[in-house]
Amino acid sequence: MTDLPDDTPQDYWKRYYTPEEVAEAESSTQTTMIVSGGLPVHVRLWVQPKAAPTVVIGSSILSYGLHLLRVQAPFYRAGFNVVQFDFPGLGQSGGPRGGCTVRDFLRCWSDALAFAHLQFGDPMYVMGVGEDGVTGYYIGANKPHVRAISVHNLFEYGEPGAVQGQGPYWMVRAKAAALRIAALARPTTEMPGSRSGSVSERTV
């Protein structure tokens, strides 16, 4: 959360909700922090008064937890614990702004699921929007205590429009083929995924 010059936190997020929703969020949640990759990760908890199943929700790349209260609150009202976290460098978490890599996403999901399991036990469910959901799927799919995963995307991975930042579609296909060949000799080979990041062969 961005602070004002006098260190007072901004409450601008409240303008997106009704007064009743703001009151519910403030009275029904608590916040804590976990550490992932040496960085502080902000966690919002909606805790049921007795044992209950748990939904773990990652923040999206374009938003953060306080913008997603309308995703979290219905699970709480339906009887679930909710563990919502902001990825490093996003939302209220620490780290370089916008510097979260794919490895950071994967590590953070793993750490958040371990925290949620330690706090609430079984059963657990994973929910994400876009990239956070896909990375949540990769981490949660083989964990026996994760019973179901819900991933919400507005595009298909591999569509030309989904990779337009890399250049023309033919160029993206050529880069992906070259990366696969290079990875045969050196599995950790990467190529720039954007001007500020990289993509490993596993993510192409």
N, C-alpha and C. Protein backbone atom coordinates (compact mmCIF):
# COMPACT_ATOMS: atom_id res chain seq x y z
N MET A 1 0.85 -1.17 0.00
CA MET A 1 0.00 0.00 0.00
C MET A 1 0.89 1.23 0.00
N THR A 2 0.60 2.17 -0.88
CA THR A 2 1.38 3.39 -0.95
C THR A 2 1.04 4.29 0.22
N ASP A 3 2.07 4.89 0.79
CA ASP A 3 1.86 5.80 1.91
C ASP A 3 1.91 7.24 1.46
N LEU A 4 1.20 8.09 2.18
CA LEU A 4 1.27 9.52 1.97
C LEU A 4 2.55 10.04 2.63
N PRO A 5 2.95 11.29 2.36
CA PRO A 5 4.19 11.81 2.94
C PRO A 5 4.26 11.71 4.47
N ASP A 6 3.11 11.77 5.15
CA ASP A 6 3.13 11.68 6.62
C ASP A 6 3.00 10.24 7.11
N ASP A 7 3.25 9.27 6.20
CA ASP A 7 3.20 7.83 6.50
C ASP A 7 1.80 7.30 6.77
N THR A 8 0.77 8.05 6.41
CA THR A 8 -0.61 7.57 6.56
C THR A 8 -0.96 6.74 5.33
N PRO A 9 -1.39 5.49 5.50
CA PRO A 9 -1.72 4.68 4.32
C PRO A 9 -2.91 5.25 3.56
N GLN A 10 -2.85 5.14 2.23
CA GLN A 10 -3.97 5.61 1.42
C GLN A 10 -5.10 4.60 1.48
N ASP A 11 -6.30 5.09 1.57
CA ASP A 11 -7.48 4.24 1.58
C ASP A 11 -8.26 4.35 0.28
N TYR A 12 -7.55 4.68 -0.82
CA TYR A 12 -8.24 4.90 -2.08
C TYR A 12 -9.01 3.66 -2.55
N TRP A 13 -8.58 2.46 -2.14
CA TRP A 13 -9.24 1.23 -2.58
C TRP A 13 -10.70 1.20 -2.18
N LYS A 14 -11.05 1.94 -1.13
CA LYS A 14 -12.43 1.91 -0.64
C LYS A 14 -13.42 2.48 -1.64
N ARG A 15 -12.95 3.33 -2.55
CA ARG A 15 -13.87 3.93 -3.53
C ARG A 15 -14.44 2.90 -4.49
N TYR A 16 -13.81 1.72 -4.58
CA TYR A 16 -14.28 0.69 -5.50
C TYR A 16 -15.40 -0.17 -4.92
N TYR A 17 -15.72 0.03 -3.66
CA TYR A 17 -16.67 -0.83 -2.96
C TYR A 17 -17.76 -0.02 -2.28
N THR A 18 -18.82 -0.72 -1.93
CA THR A 18 -19.89 -0.09 -1.15
C THR A 18 -19.41 0.03 0.30
N PRO A 19 -20.03 0.92 1.09
CA PRO A 19 -19.65 1.01 2.51
C PRO A 19 -19.80 -0.32 3.24
N GLU A 20 -20.79 -1.12 2.84
CA GLU A 20 -20.99 -2.43 3.48
C GLU A 20 -19.84 -3.39 3.16
N GLU A 21 -19.36 -3.35 1.92
CA GLU A 21 -18.24 -4.22 1.55
C GLU A 21 -16.96 -3.81 2.27
N VAL A 22 -16.74 -2.51 2.39
CA VAL A 22 -15.55 -2.03 3.11
C VAL A 22 -15.63 -2.47 4.57
N ALA A 23 -16.80 -2.32 5.18
CA ALA A 23 -16.96 -2.72 6.58
C ALA A 23 -16.74 -4.21 6.75
N GLU A 24 -17.23 -5.02 5.81
CA GLU A 24 -17.04 -6.48 5.88
C GLU A 24 -15.55 -6.82 5.78
N ALA A 25 -14.85 -6.20 4.84
CA ALA A 25 -13.43 -6.48 4.67
C ALA A 25 -12.64 -6.08 5.91
N GLU A 26 -12.96 -4.94 6.47
CA GLU A 26 -12.20 -4.47 7.64
C GLU A 26 -12.51 -5.27 8.89
N SER A 27 -13.74 -5.76 9.00
CA SER A 27 -14.10 -6.51 10.22
C SER A 27 -13.82 -8.01 10.11
N SER A 28 -13.74 -8.54 8.88
CA SER A 28 -13.62 -9.98 8.69
C SER A 28 -12.23 -10.46 8.31
N THR A 29 -11.30 -9.54 8.08
CA THR A 29 -9.98 -9.96 7.64
C THR A 29 -8.89 -9.50 8.61
N GLN A 30 -7.80 -10.18 8.52
CA GLN A 30 -6.58 -9.78 9.22
C GLN A 30 -5.43 -9.95 8.24
N THR A 31 -4.35 -9.26 8.47
CA THR A 31 -3.22 -9.37 7.56
C THR A 31 -1.99 -9.86 8.31
N THR A 32 -1.12 -10.50 7.55
CA THR A 32 0.15 -10.98 8.08
C THR A 32 1.16 -10.95 6.94
N MET A 33 2.31 -11.51 7.18
CA MET A 33 3.36 -11.53 6.18
C MET A 33 4.05 -12.88 6.21
N ILE A 34 4.41 -13.37 5.03
CA ILE A 34 5.31 -14.51 4.93
C ILE A 34 6.53 -14.04 4.15
N VAL A 35 7.58 -14.82 4.17
CA VAL A 35 8.78 -14.47 3.42
C VAL A 35 8.92 -15.46 2.28
N SER A 36 9.14 -14.93 1.08
CA SER A 36 9.34 -15.77 -0.10
C SER A 36 10.52 -15.21 -0.88
N GLY A 37 11.53 -16.03 -1.07
CA GLY A 37 12.72 -15.57 -1.78
C GLY A 37 13.40 -14.40 -1.11
N GLY A 38 13.30 -14.34 0.21
CA GLY A 38 13.92 -13.26 0.96
C GLY A 38 13.13 -11.96 0.95
N LEU A 39 11.93 -11.97 0.37
CA LEU A 39 11.11 -10.75 0.28
C LEU A 39 9.83 -10.90 1.10
N PRO A 40 9.36 -9.78 1.70
CA PRO A 40 8.10 -9.85 2.47
C PRO A 40 6.90 -9.92 1.54
N VAL A 41 6.03 -10.89 1.79
CA VAL A 41 4.82 -11.09 1.00
C VAL A 41 3.61 -10.80 1.87
N HIS A 42 2.79 -9.86 1.42
CA HIS A 42 1.59 -9.47 2.15
C HIS A 42 0.50 -10.53 1.99
N VAL A 43 -0.12 -10.93 3.11
CA VAL A 43 -1.16 -11.96 3.10
C VAL A 43 -2.39 -11.43 3.83
N ARG A 44 -3.55 -11.56 3.20
CA ARG A 44 -4.82 -11.21 3.83
C ARG A 44 -5.55 -12.51 4.15
N LEU A 45 -6.05 -12.63 5.36
CA LEU A 45 -6.73 -13.84 5.82
C LEU A 45 -8.18 -13.55 6.16
N TRP A 46 -9.06 -14.38 5.65
CA TRP A 46 -10.46 -14.41 6.04
C TRP A 46 -10.61 -15.74 6.79
N VAL A 47 -10.74 -15.70 8.09
CA VAL A 47 -10.68 -16.90 8.91
C VAL A 47 -12.05 -17.26 9.47
N GLN A 48 -12.47 -18.48 9.22
CA GLN A 48 -13.73 -18.98 9.78
C GLN A 48 -13.56 -19.28 11.27
N PRO A 49 -14.63 -19.20 12.06
CA PRO A 49 -14.52 -19.45 13.50
C PRO A 49 -14.25 -20.91 13.86
N LYS A 50 -14.48 -21.83 12.93
CA LYS A 50 -14.18 -23.24 13.19
C LYS A 50 -13.53 -23.84 11.96
N ALA A 51 -13.09 -25.08 12.07
CA ALA A 51 -12.38 -25.73 10.96
C ALA A 51 -13.19 -25.65 9.67
N ALA A 52 -12.51 -25.31 8.58
CA ALA A 52 -13.19 -25.12 7.30
C ALA A 52 -12.19 -25.35 6.17
N PRO A 53 -12.69 -25.64 4.96
CA PRO A 53 -11.80 -25.73 3.81
C PRO A 53 -11.21 -24.35 3.49
N THR A 54 -10.12 -24.34 2.76
CA THR A 54 -9.38 -23.09 2.51
C THR A 54 -9.17 -22.88 1.02
N VAL A 55 -9.42 -21.65 0.57
CA VAL A 55 -9.12 -21.24 -0.80
C VAL A 55 -7.92 -20.31 -0.75
N VAL A 56 -6.90 -20.61 -1.56
CA VAL A 56 -5.70 -19.77 -1.65
C VAL A 56 -5.78 -19.02 -2.98
N ILE A 57 -5.69 -17.68 -2.90
CA ILE A 57 -5.85 -16.82 -4.07
C ILE A 57 -4.62 -15.93 -4.21
N GLY A 58 -3.96 -15.99 -5.37
CA GLY A 58 -2.86 -15.09 -5.65
C GLY A 58 -3.39 -13.79 -6.24
N SER A 59 -2.65 -12.72 -6.04
CA SER A 59 -3.03 -11.46 -6.68
C SER A 59 -2.78 -11.60 -8.17
N SER A 60 -3.41 -10.74 -8.96
CA SER A 60 -3.12 -10.77 -10.38
C SER A 60 -1.95 -9.83 -10.67
N ILE A 61 -1.41 -9.92 -11.87
CA ILE A 61 -0.30 -9.04 -12.25
C ILE A 61 -0.77 -7.60 -12.37
N LEU A 62 -1.99 -7.41 -12.85
CA LEU A 62 -2.49 -6.06 -13.09
C LEU A 62 -3.18 -5.44 -11.88
N SER A 63 -3.28 -6.17 -10.81
CA SER A 63 -4.01 -5.68 -9.66
C SER A 63 -3.34 -6.18 -8.39
N TYR A 64 -4.03 -6.07 -7.27
CA TYR A 64 -3.54 -6.67 -6.04
C TYR A 64 -4.72 -6.98 -5.14
N GLY A 65 -4.44 -7.58 -3.98
CA GLY A 65 -5.49 -8.15 -3.15
C GLY A 65 -6.66 -7.25 -2.82
N LEU A 66 -6.39 -5.98 -2.48
CA LEU A 66 -7.49 -5.10 -2.11
C LEU A 66 -8.41 -4.78 -3.29
N HIS A 67 -7.94 -4.98 -4.51
CA HIS A 67 -8.80 -4.79 -5.67
C HIS A 67 -9.63 -6.03 -5.97
N LEU A 68 -9.34 -7.12 -5.29
CA LEU A 68 -10.01 -8.39 -5.57
C LEU A 68 -10.90 -8.86 -4.43
N LEU A 69 -11.38 -7.92 -3.62
CA LEU A 69 -12.22 -8.31 -2.47
C LEU A 69 -13.51 -9.00 -2.91
N ARG A 70 -14.02 -8.61 -4.07
CA ARG A 70 -15.27 -9.24 -4.54
C ARG A 70 -15.04 -10.66 -5.03
N VAL A 71 -13.81 -11.06 -5.20
CA VAL A 71 -13.49 -12.45 -5.49
C VAL A 71 -13.34 -13.23 -4.18
N GLN A 72 -12.77 -12.59 -3.17
CA GLN A 72 -12.48 -13.25 -1.90
C GLN A 72 -13.71 -13.41 -1.00
N ALA A 73 -14.47 -12.33 -0.85
CA ALA A 73 -15.57 -12.32 0.12
C ALA A 73 -16.62 -13.41 -0.10
N PRO A 74 -17.03 -13.71 -1.35
CA PRO A 74 -18.02 -14.77 -1.53
C PRO A 74 -17.57 -16.13 -1.00
N PHE A 75 -16.28 -16.44 -1.12
CA PHE A 75 -15.78 -17.71 -0.56
C PHE A 75 -15.92 -17.70 0.96
N TYR A 76 -15.59 -16.58 1.57
CA TYR A 76 -15.70 -16.46 3.03
C TYR A 76 -17.16 -16.61 3.46
N ARG A 77 -18.06 -15.95 2.74
CA ARG A 77 -19.49 -16.03 3.08
C ARG A 77 -20.02 -17.46 2.90
N ALA A 78 -19.39 -18.22 1.98
CA ALA A 78 -19.81 -19.60 1.73
C ALA A 78 -19.19 -20.59 2.71
N GLY A 79 -18.38 -20.10 3.65
CA GLY A 79 -17.84 -20.97 4.69
C GLY A 79 -16.39 -21.37 4.53
N PHE A 80 -15.67 -20.77 3.58
CA PHE A 80 -14.26 -21.08 3.37
C PHE A 80 -13.36 -20.10 4.13
N ASN A 81 -12.21 -20.60 4.58
CA ASN A 81 -11.11 -19.70 4.92
C ASN A 81 -10.55 -19.20 3.59
N VAL A 82 -10.07 -17.97 3.57
CA VAL A 82 -9.45 -17.44 2.36
C VAL A 82 -8.06 -16.92 2.71
N VAL A 83 -7.07 -17.37 1.96
CA VAL A 83 -5.70 -16.87 2.10
C VAL A 83 -5.37 -16.19 0.78
N GLN A 84 -5.26 -14.87 0.80
CA GLN A 84 -4.95 -14.12 -0.41
C GLN A 84 -3.60 -13.46 -0.24
N PHE A 85 -2.74 -13.58 -1.24
CA PHE A 85 -1.40 -13.00 -1.13
C PHE A 85 -1.06 -12.18 -2.36
N ASP A 86 -0.23 -11.17 -2.17
CA ASP A 86 0.29 -10.35 -3.27
C ASP A 86 1.69 -10.85 -3.60
N PHE A 87 1.98 -11.03 -4.87
CA PHE A 87 3.30 -11.52 -5.28
C PHE A 87 4.39 -10.48 -4.97
N PRO A 88 5.64 -10.91 -4.82
CA PRO A 88 6.73 -9.96 -4.56
C PRO A 88 6.78 -8.86 -5.62
N GLY A 89 6.94 -7.63 -5.16
CA GLY A 89 7.02 -6.50 -6.08
C GLY A 89 5.68 -6.02 -6.58
N LEU A 90 4.59 -6.63 -6.13
CA LEU A 90 3.24 -6.25 -6.54
C LEU A 90 2.38 -5.98 -5.31
N GLY A 91 1.41 -5.10 -5.46
CA GLY A 91 0.49 -4.82 -4.37
C GLY A 91 1.19 -4.35 -3.11
N GLN A 92 0.86 -4.97 -1.99
CA GLN A 92 1.40 -4.57 -0.71
C GLN A 92 2.64 -5.38 -0.30
N SER A 93 3.12 -6.22 -1.20
CA SER A 93 4.32 -7.00 -0.90
C SER A 93 5.58 -6.21 -1.21
N GLY A 94 6.69 -6.59 -0.57
CA GLY A 94 7.96 -5.93 -0.80
C GLY A 94 8.64 -6.45 -2.05
N GLY A 95 9.74 -5.83 -2.39
CA GLY A 95 10.51 -6.22 -3.56
C GLY A 95 10.45 -5.16 -4.62
N PRO A 96 11.34 -5.24 -5.62
CA PRO A 96 11.34 -4.26 -6.71
C PRO A 96 9.98 -4.23 -7.41
N ARG A 97 9.42 -3.06 -7.58
CA ARG A 97 8.10 -2.92 -8.21
C ARG A 97 8.08 -3.53 -9.60
N GLY A 98 7.16 -4.47 -9.80
CA GLY A 98 7.00 -5.11 -11.09
C GLY A 98 8.13 -6.05 -11.46
N GLY A 99 8.97 -6.41 -10.49
CA GLY A 99 10.13 -7.24 -10.79
C GLY A 99 9.93 -8.72 -10.58
N CYS A 100 8.70 -9.16 -10.36
CA CYS A 100 8.42 -10.57 -10.09
C CYS A 100 8.62 -11.40 -11.35
N THR A 101 9.51 -12.39 -11.29
CA THR A 101 9.77 -13.28 -12.42
C THR A 101 8.91 -14.54 -12.30
N VAL A 102 8.92 -15.37 -13.33
CA VAL A 102 8.18 -16.62 -13.27
C VAL A 102 8.65 -17.46 -12.09
N ARG A 103 9.96 -17.52 -11.88
CA ARG A 103 10.48 -18.29 -10.73
C ARG A 103 9.95 -17.72 -9.42
N ASP A 104 9.88 -16.37 -9.32
CA ASP A 104 9.33 -15.75 -8.11
C ASP A 104 7.87 -16.14 -7.91
N PHE A 105 7.09 -16.15 -9.01
CA PHE A 105 5.68 -16.56 -8.91
C PHE A 105 5.59 -17.98 -8.37
N LEU A 106 6.36 -18.89 -8.96
CA LEU A 106 6.31 -20.30 -8.55
C LEU A 106 6.71 -20.47 -7.09
N ARG A 107 7.79 -19.81 -6.70
CA ARG A 107 8.26 -19.89 -5.32
C ARG A 107 7.21 -19.35 -4.36
N CYS A 108 6.61 -18.22 -4.72
CA CYS A 108 5.63 -17.59 -3.85
C CYS A 108 4.39 -18.46 -3.69
N TRP A 109 3.92 -19.06 -4.79
CA TRP A 109 2.79 -19.99 -4.68
C TRP A 109 3.13 -21.14 -3.72
N SER A 110 4.32 -21.70 -3.89
CA SER A 110 4.73 -22.81 -3.04
C SER A 110 4.75 -22.39 -1.57
N ASP A 111 5.32 -21.20 -1.31
CA ASP A 111 5.39 -20.70 0.07
C ASP A 111 4.01 -20.38 0.63
N ALA A 112 3.15 -19.80 -0.20
CA ALA A 112 1.80 -19.45 0.26
C ALA A 112 0.98 -20.71 0.55
N LEU A 113 1.11 -21.74 -0.30
CA LEU A 113 0.38 -22.98 -0.06
C LEU A 113 0.89 -23.68 1.20
N ALA A 114 2.20 -23.64 1.42
CA ALA A 114 2.76 -24.24 2.64
C ALA A 114 2.25 -23.51 3.87
N PHE A 115 2.20 -22.17 3.81
CA PHE A 115 1.68 -21.37 4.92
C PHE A 115 0.21 -21.70 5.19
N ALA A 116 -0.60 -21.73 4.12
CA ALA A 116 -2.03 -22.01 4.28
C ALA A 116 -2.26 -23.40 4.85
N HIS A 117 -1.48 -24.37 4.39
CA HIS A 117 -1.64 -25.74 4.89
C HIS A 117 -1.25 -25.83 6.36
N LEU A 118 -0.19 -25.15 6.73
CA LEU A 118 0.24 -25.13 8.13
C LEU A 118 -0.82 -24.47 9.01
N GLN A 119 -1.44 -23.41 8.53
CA GLN A 119 -2.44 -22.68 9.32
C GLN A 119 -3.77 -23.42 9.41
N PHE A 120 -4.22 -23.99 8.29
CA PHE A 120 -5.60 -24.49 8.22
C PHE A 120 -5.74 -25.97 7.88
N GLY A 121 -4.68 -26.62 7.39
CA GLY A 121 -4.76 -28.03 7.05
C GLY A 121 -5.57 -28.29 5.79
N ASP A 122 -6.08 -29.52 5.68
CA ASP A 122 -6.85 -29.94 4.51
C ASP A 122 -8.33 -29.62 4.70
N PRO A 123 -9.11 -29.54 3.63
CA PRO A 123 -8.68 -29.51 2.24
C PRO A 123 -8.35 -28.08 1.80
N MET A 124 -7.61 -27.98 0.69
CA MET A 124 -7.24 -26.68 0.14
C MET A 124 -7.61 -26.62 -1.33
N TYR A 125 -7.90 -25.39 -1.77
CA TYR A 125 -8.25 -25.13 -3.17
C TYR A 125 -7.43 -23.94 -3.64
N VAL A 126 -7.12 -23.91 -4.94
CA VAL A 126 -6.32 -22.82 -5.51
C VAL A 126 -7.16 -22.08 -6.53
N MET A 127 -7.08 -20.76 -6.50
CA MET A 127 -7.77 -19.95 -7.50
C MET A 127 -6.85 -18.84 -7.96
N GLY A 128 -6.82 -18.60 -9.27
CA GLY A 128 -6.01 -17.51 -9.80
C GLY A 128 -6.59 -16.95 -11.08
N VAL A 129 -6.12 -15.76 -11.42
CA VAL A 129 -6.58 -15.07 -12.62
C VAL A 129 -5.36 -14.83 -13.51
N GLY A 130 -5.38 -15.37 -14.73
CA GLY A 130 -4.28 -15.15 -15.65
C GLY A 130 -3.02 -15.90 -15.22
N GLU A 131 -1.88 -15.20 -15.30
CA GLU A 131 -0.59 -15.83 -15.01
C GLU A 131 -0.50 -16.37 -13.59
N ASP A 132 -1.10 -15.67 -12.64
CA ASP A 132 -1.03 -16.18 -11.26
C ASP A 132 -1.78 -17.49 -11.12
N GLY A 133 -2.85 -17.65 -11.88
CA GLY A 133 -3.58 -18.92 -11.85
C GLY A 133 -2.81 -20.04 -12.51
N VAL A 134 -2.15 -19.74 -13.63
CA VAL A 134 -1.37 -20.75 -14.33
C VAL A 134 -0.20 -21.21 -13.47
N THR A 135 0.51 -20.26 -12.86
CA THR A 135 1.63 -20.65 -11.99
C THR A 135 1.11 -21.38 -10.75
N GLY A 136 -0.06 -20.99 -10.26
CA GLY A 136 -0.68 -21.72 -9.15
C GLY A 136 -1.01 -23.14 -9.53
N TYR A 137 -1.45 -23.32 -10.78
CA TYR A 137 -1.73 -24.67 -11.27
C TYR A 137 -0.45 -25.52 -11.28
N TYR A 138 0.64 -24.96 -11.82
CA TYR A 138 1.89 -25.71 -11.90
C TYR A 138 2.37 -26.15 -10.53
N ILE A 139 2.20 -25.32 -9.54
CA ILE A 139 2.65 -25.67 -8.18
C ILE A 139 1.65 -26.58 -7.48
N GLY A 140 0.37 -26.29 -7.61
CA GLY A 140 -0.64 -27.02 -6.83
C GLY A 140 -1.08 -28.35 -7.40
N ALA A 141 -0.88 -28.58 -8.70
CA ALA A 141 -1.45 -29.76 -9.35
C ALA A 141 -0.98 -31.08 -8.75
N ASN A 142 0.24 -31.15 -8.26
CA ASN A 142 0.75 -32.41 -7.72
C ASN A 142 0.80 -32.45 -6.21
N LYS A 143 0.13 -31.50 -5.56
CA LYS A 143 0.09 -31.51 -4.09
C LYS A 143 -1.18 -32.23 -3.65
N PRO A 144 -1.06 -33.31 -2.91
CA PRO A 144 -2.24 -34.10 -2.56
C PRO A 144 -3.27 -33.35 -1.73
N HIS A 145 -2.86 -32.32 -0.98
CA HIS A 145 -3.82 -31.60 -0.16
C HIS A 145 -4.58 -30.53 -0.94
N VAL A 146 -4.19 -30.28 -2.22
CA VAL A 146 -4.93 -29.35 -3.08
C VAL A 146 -5.97 -30.17 -3.83
N ARG A 147 -7.24 -29.92 -3.53
CA ARG A 147 -8.32 -30.74 -4.08
C ARG A 147 -8.81 -30.28 -5.44
N ALA A 148 -8.74 -28.97 -5.73
CA ALA A 148 -9.21 -28.45 -7.01
C ALA A 148 -8.51 -27.12 -7.29
N ILE A 149 -8.40 -26.79 -8.58
CA ILE A 149 -7.74 -25.56 -9.01
C ILE A 149 -8.63 -24.88 -10.03
N SER A 150 -8.84 -23.58 -9.84
CA SER A 150 -9.64 -22.79 -10.77
C SER A 150 -8.75 -21.72 -11.39
N VAL A 151 -8.55 -21.78 -12.69
CA VAL A 151 -7.71 -20.82 -13.41
C VAL A 151 -8.58 -20.05 -14.38
N HIS A 152 -8.55 -18.72 -14.28
CA HIS A 152 -9.38 -17.87 -15.14
C HIS A 152 -8.48 -17.07 -16.08
N ASN A 153 -8.62 -17.30 -17.38
CA ASN A 153 -7.85 -16.59 -18.39
C ASN A 153 -8.79 -15.96 -19.41
N LEU A 154 -8.37 -14.82 -19.94
CA LEU A 154 -9.14 -14.17 -20.99
C LEU A 154 -8.55 -14.44 -22.36
N PHE A 155 -7.54 -15.31 -22.44
CA PHE A 155 -6.94 -15.66 -23.72
C PHE A 155 -6.37 -17.06 -23.64
N GLU A 156 -6.07 -17.63 -24.80
CA GLU A 156 -5.44 -18.95 -24.87
C GLU A 156 -3.93 -18.76 -24.96
N TYR A 157 -3.19 -19.49 -24.14
CA TYR A 157 -1.74 -19.44 -24.29
C TYR A 157 -1.37 -20.01 -25.65
N GLY A 158 -0.48 -19.31 -26.35
CA GLY A 158 -0.09 -19.71 -27.69
C GLY A 158 -0.79 -18.92 -28.78
N GLU A 159 -1.85 -18.17 -28.43
CA GLU A 159 -2.49 -17.31 -29.42
C GLU A 159 -1.51 -16.24 -29.87
N PRO A 160 -1.57 -15.82 -31.11
CA PRO A 160 -0.67 -14.74 -31.56
C PRO A 160 -0.81 -13.47 -30.72
N GLY A 161 -2.03 -13.11 -30.33
CA GLY A 161 -2.24 -11.90 -29.55
C GLY A 161 -1.65 -11.97 -28.15
N ALA A 162 -1.44 -13.17 -27.64
CA ALA A 162 -0.93 -13.32 -26.27
C ALA A 162 0.57 -13.11 -26.21
N VAL A 163 1.23 -13.12 -27.34
CA VAL A 163 2.70 -12.99 -27.36
C VAL A 163 3.16 -11.83 -28.24
N GLN A 164 2.27 -10.90 -28.53
CA GLN A 164 2.61 -9.83 -29.47
C GLN A 164 3.76 -8.95 -28.98
N GLY A 165 4.03 -8.94 -27.67
CA GLY A 165 5.15 -8.15 -27.16
C GLY A 165 6.50 -8.70 -27.59
N GLN A 166 6.53 -9.93 -28.09
CA GLN A 166 7.77 -10.57 -28.54
C GLN A 166 8.08 -10.28 -30.00
N GLY A 167 7.12 -9.73 -30.72
CA GLY A 167 7.32 -9.49 -32.14
C GLY A 167 6.26 -10.23 -32.95
N PRO A 168 6.42 -10.28 -34.27
CA PRO A 168 5.45 -10.99 -35.12
C PRO A 168 5.36 -12.46 -34.70
N TYR A 169 4.20 -13.04 -34.96
CA TYR A 169 3.97 -14.41 -34.52
C TYR A 169 5.01 -15.37 -35.09
N TRP A 170 5.40 -15.22 -36.37
CA TRP A 170 6.40 -16.11 -36.95
C TRP A 170 7.71 -16.02 -36.18
N MET A 171 8.05 -14.81 -35.70
CA MET A 171 9.30 -14.64 -34.96
C MET A 171 9.23 -15.33 -33.60
N VAL A 172 8.06 -15.24 -32.97
CA VAL A 172 7.88 -15.91 -31.68
C VAL A 172 8.03 -17.42 -31.84
N ARG A 173 7.43 -17.97 -32.91
CA ARG A 173 7.56 -19.42 -33.17
C ARG A 173 9.01 -19.80 -33.42
N ALA A 174 9.74 -18.97 -34.15
CA ALA A 174 11.16 -19.24 -34.43
C ALA A 174 11.98 -19.18 -33.14
N LYS A 175 11.70 -18.19 -32.30
CA LYS A 175 12.40 -18.09 -31.02
C LYS A 175 12.13 -19.30 -30.14
N ALA A 176 10.87 -19.73 -30.09
CA ALA A 176 10.51 -20.89 -29.27
C ALA A 176 11.22 -22.15 -29.77
N ALA A 177 11.27 -22.34 -31.10
CA ALA A 177 11.96 -23.51 -31.66
C ALA A 177 13.45 -23.47 -31.34
N ALA A 178 14.06 -22.29 -31.49
CA ALA A 178 15.50 -22.15 -31.18
C ALA A 178 15.76 -22.41 -29.71
N LEU A 179 14.86 -21.95 -28.86
CA LEU A 179 15.04 -22.16 -27.42
C LEU A 179 14.95 -23.64 -27.08
N ARG A 180 14.03 -24.35 -27.69
CA ARG A 180 13.91 -25.79 -27.42
C ARG A 180 15.17 -26.55 -27.84
N ILE A 181 15.72 -26.19 -28.98
CA ILE A 181 16.95 -26.84 -29.46
C ILE A 181 18.11 -26.51 -28.53
N ALA A 182 18.24 -25.23 -28.16
CA ALA A 182 19.33 -24.83 -27.26
C ALA A 182 19.21 -25.50 -25.90
N ALA A 183 17.98 -25.72 -25.45
CA ALA A 183 17.76 -26.33 -24.14
C ALA A 183 18.16 -27.81 -24.11
N LEU A 184 18.26 -28.45 -25.27
CA LEU A 184 18.73 -29.83 -25.30
C LEU A 184 20.18 -29.92 -24.82
N ALA A 185 20.97 -28.94 -25.21
CA ALA A 185 22.38 -28.91 -24.79
C ALA A 185 22.54 -28.30 -23.40
N ARG A 186 21.70 -27.32 -23.09
CA ARG A 186 21.80 -26.62 -21.79
C ARG A 186 20.39 -26.35 -21.30
N PRO A 187 19.84 -27.20 -20.42
CA PRO A 187 18.44 -27.09 -19.99
C PRO A 187 18.07 -25.76 -19.35
N THR A 188 19.02 -25.03 -18.84
CA THR A 188 18.70 -23.76 -18.18
C THR A 188 18.74 -22.57 -19.14
N THR A 189 18.85 -22.83 -20.44
CA THR A 189 18.89 -21.76 -21.44
C THR A 189 17.63 -20.91 -21.35
N GLU A 190 17.80 -19.60 -21.46
CA GLU A 190 16.67 -18.68 -21.43
C GLU A 190 16.78 -17.69 -22.56
N MET A 191 15.67 -17.06 -22.89
CA MET A 191 15.67 -15.94 -23.83
C MET A 191 14.89 -14.81 -23.19
N PRO A 192 15.11 -13.58 -23.62
CA PRO A 192 14.34 -12.48 -23.05
C PRO A 192 12.85 -12.69 -23.28
N GLY A 193 12.07 -12.65 -22.19
CA GLY A 193 10.62 -12.78 -22.29
C GLY A 193 9.98 -11.43 -22.52
N SER A 194 10.70 -10.40 -22.19
CA SER A 194 10.27 -9.02 -22.39
C SER A 194 11.54 -8.18 -22.30
N ARG A 195 11.39 -6.90 -22.32
CA ARG A 195 12.57 -6.05 -22.19
C ARG A 195 13.18 -6.16 -20.80
N SER A 196 12.40 -6.66 -19.82
CA SER A 196 12.91 -6.68 -18.45
C SER A 196 13.01 -8.07 -17.84
N GLY A 197 12.65 -9.13 -18.58
CA GLY A 197 12.64 -10.45 -17.97
C GLY A 197 13.11 -11.50 -18.94
N SER A 198 13.02 -12.76 -18.53
CA SER A 198 13.41 -13.85 -19.40
C SER A 198 12.42 -14.98 -19.28
N VAL A 199 12.41 -15.84 -20.29
CA VAL A 199 11.49 -16.96 -20.34
C VAL A 199 12.31 -18.22 -20.49
N SER A 200 12.06 -19.22 -19.66
CA SER A 200 12.79 -20.48 -19.78
C SER A 200 12.07 -21.39 -20.76
N GLU A 201 12.73 -22.46 -21.19
CA GLU A 201 12.13 -23.38 -22.14
C GLU A 201 10.83 -23.98 -21.57
N ARG A 202 10.76 -24.13 -20.25
CA ARG A 202 9.57 -24.72 -19.66
C ARG A 202 8.35 -23.83 -19.80
N THR A 203 8.52 -22.52 -20.00
CA THR A 203 7.37 -21.63 -20.06
C THR A 203 6.97 -21.27 -21.48
N VAL A 204 7.69 -21.78 -22.49
CA VAL A 204 7.35 -21.44 -23.87
C VAL A 204 6.43 -22.50 -24.44
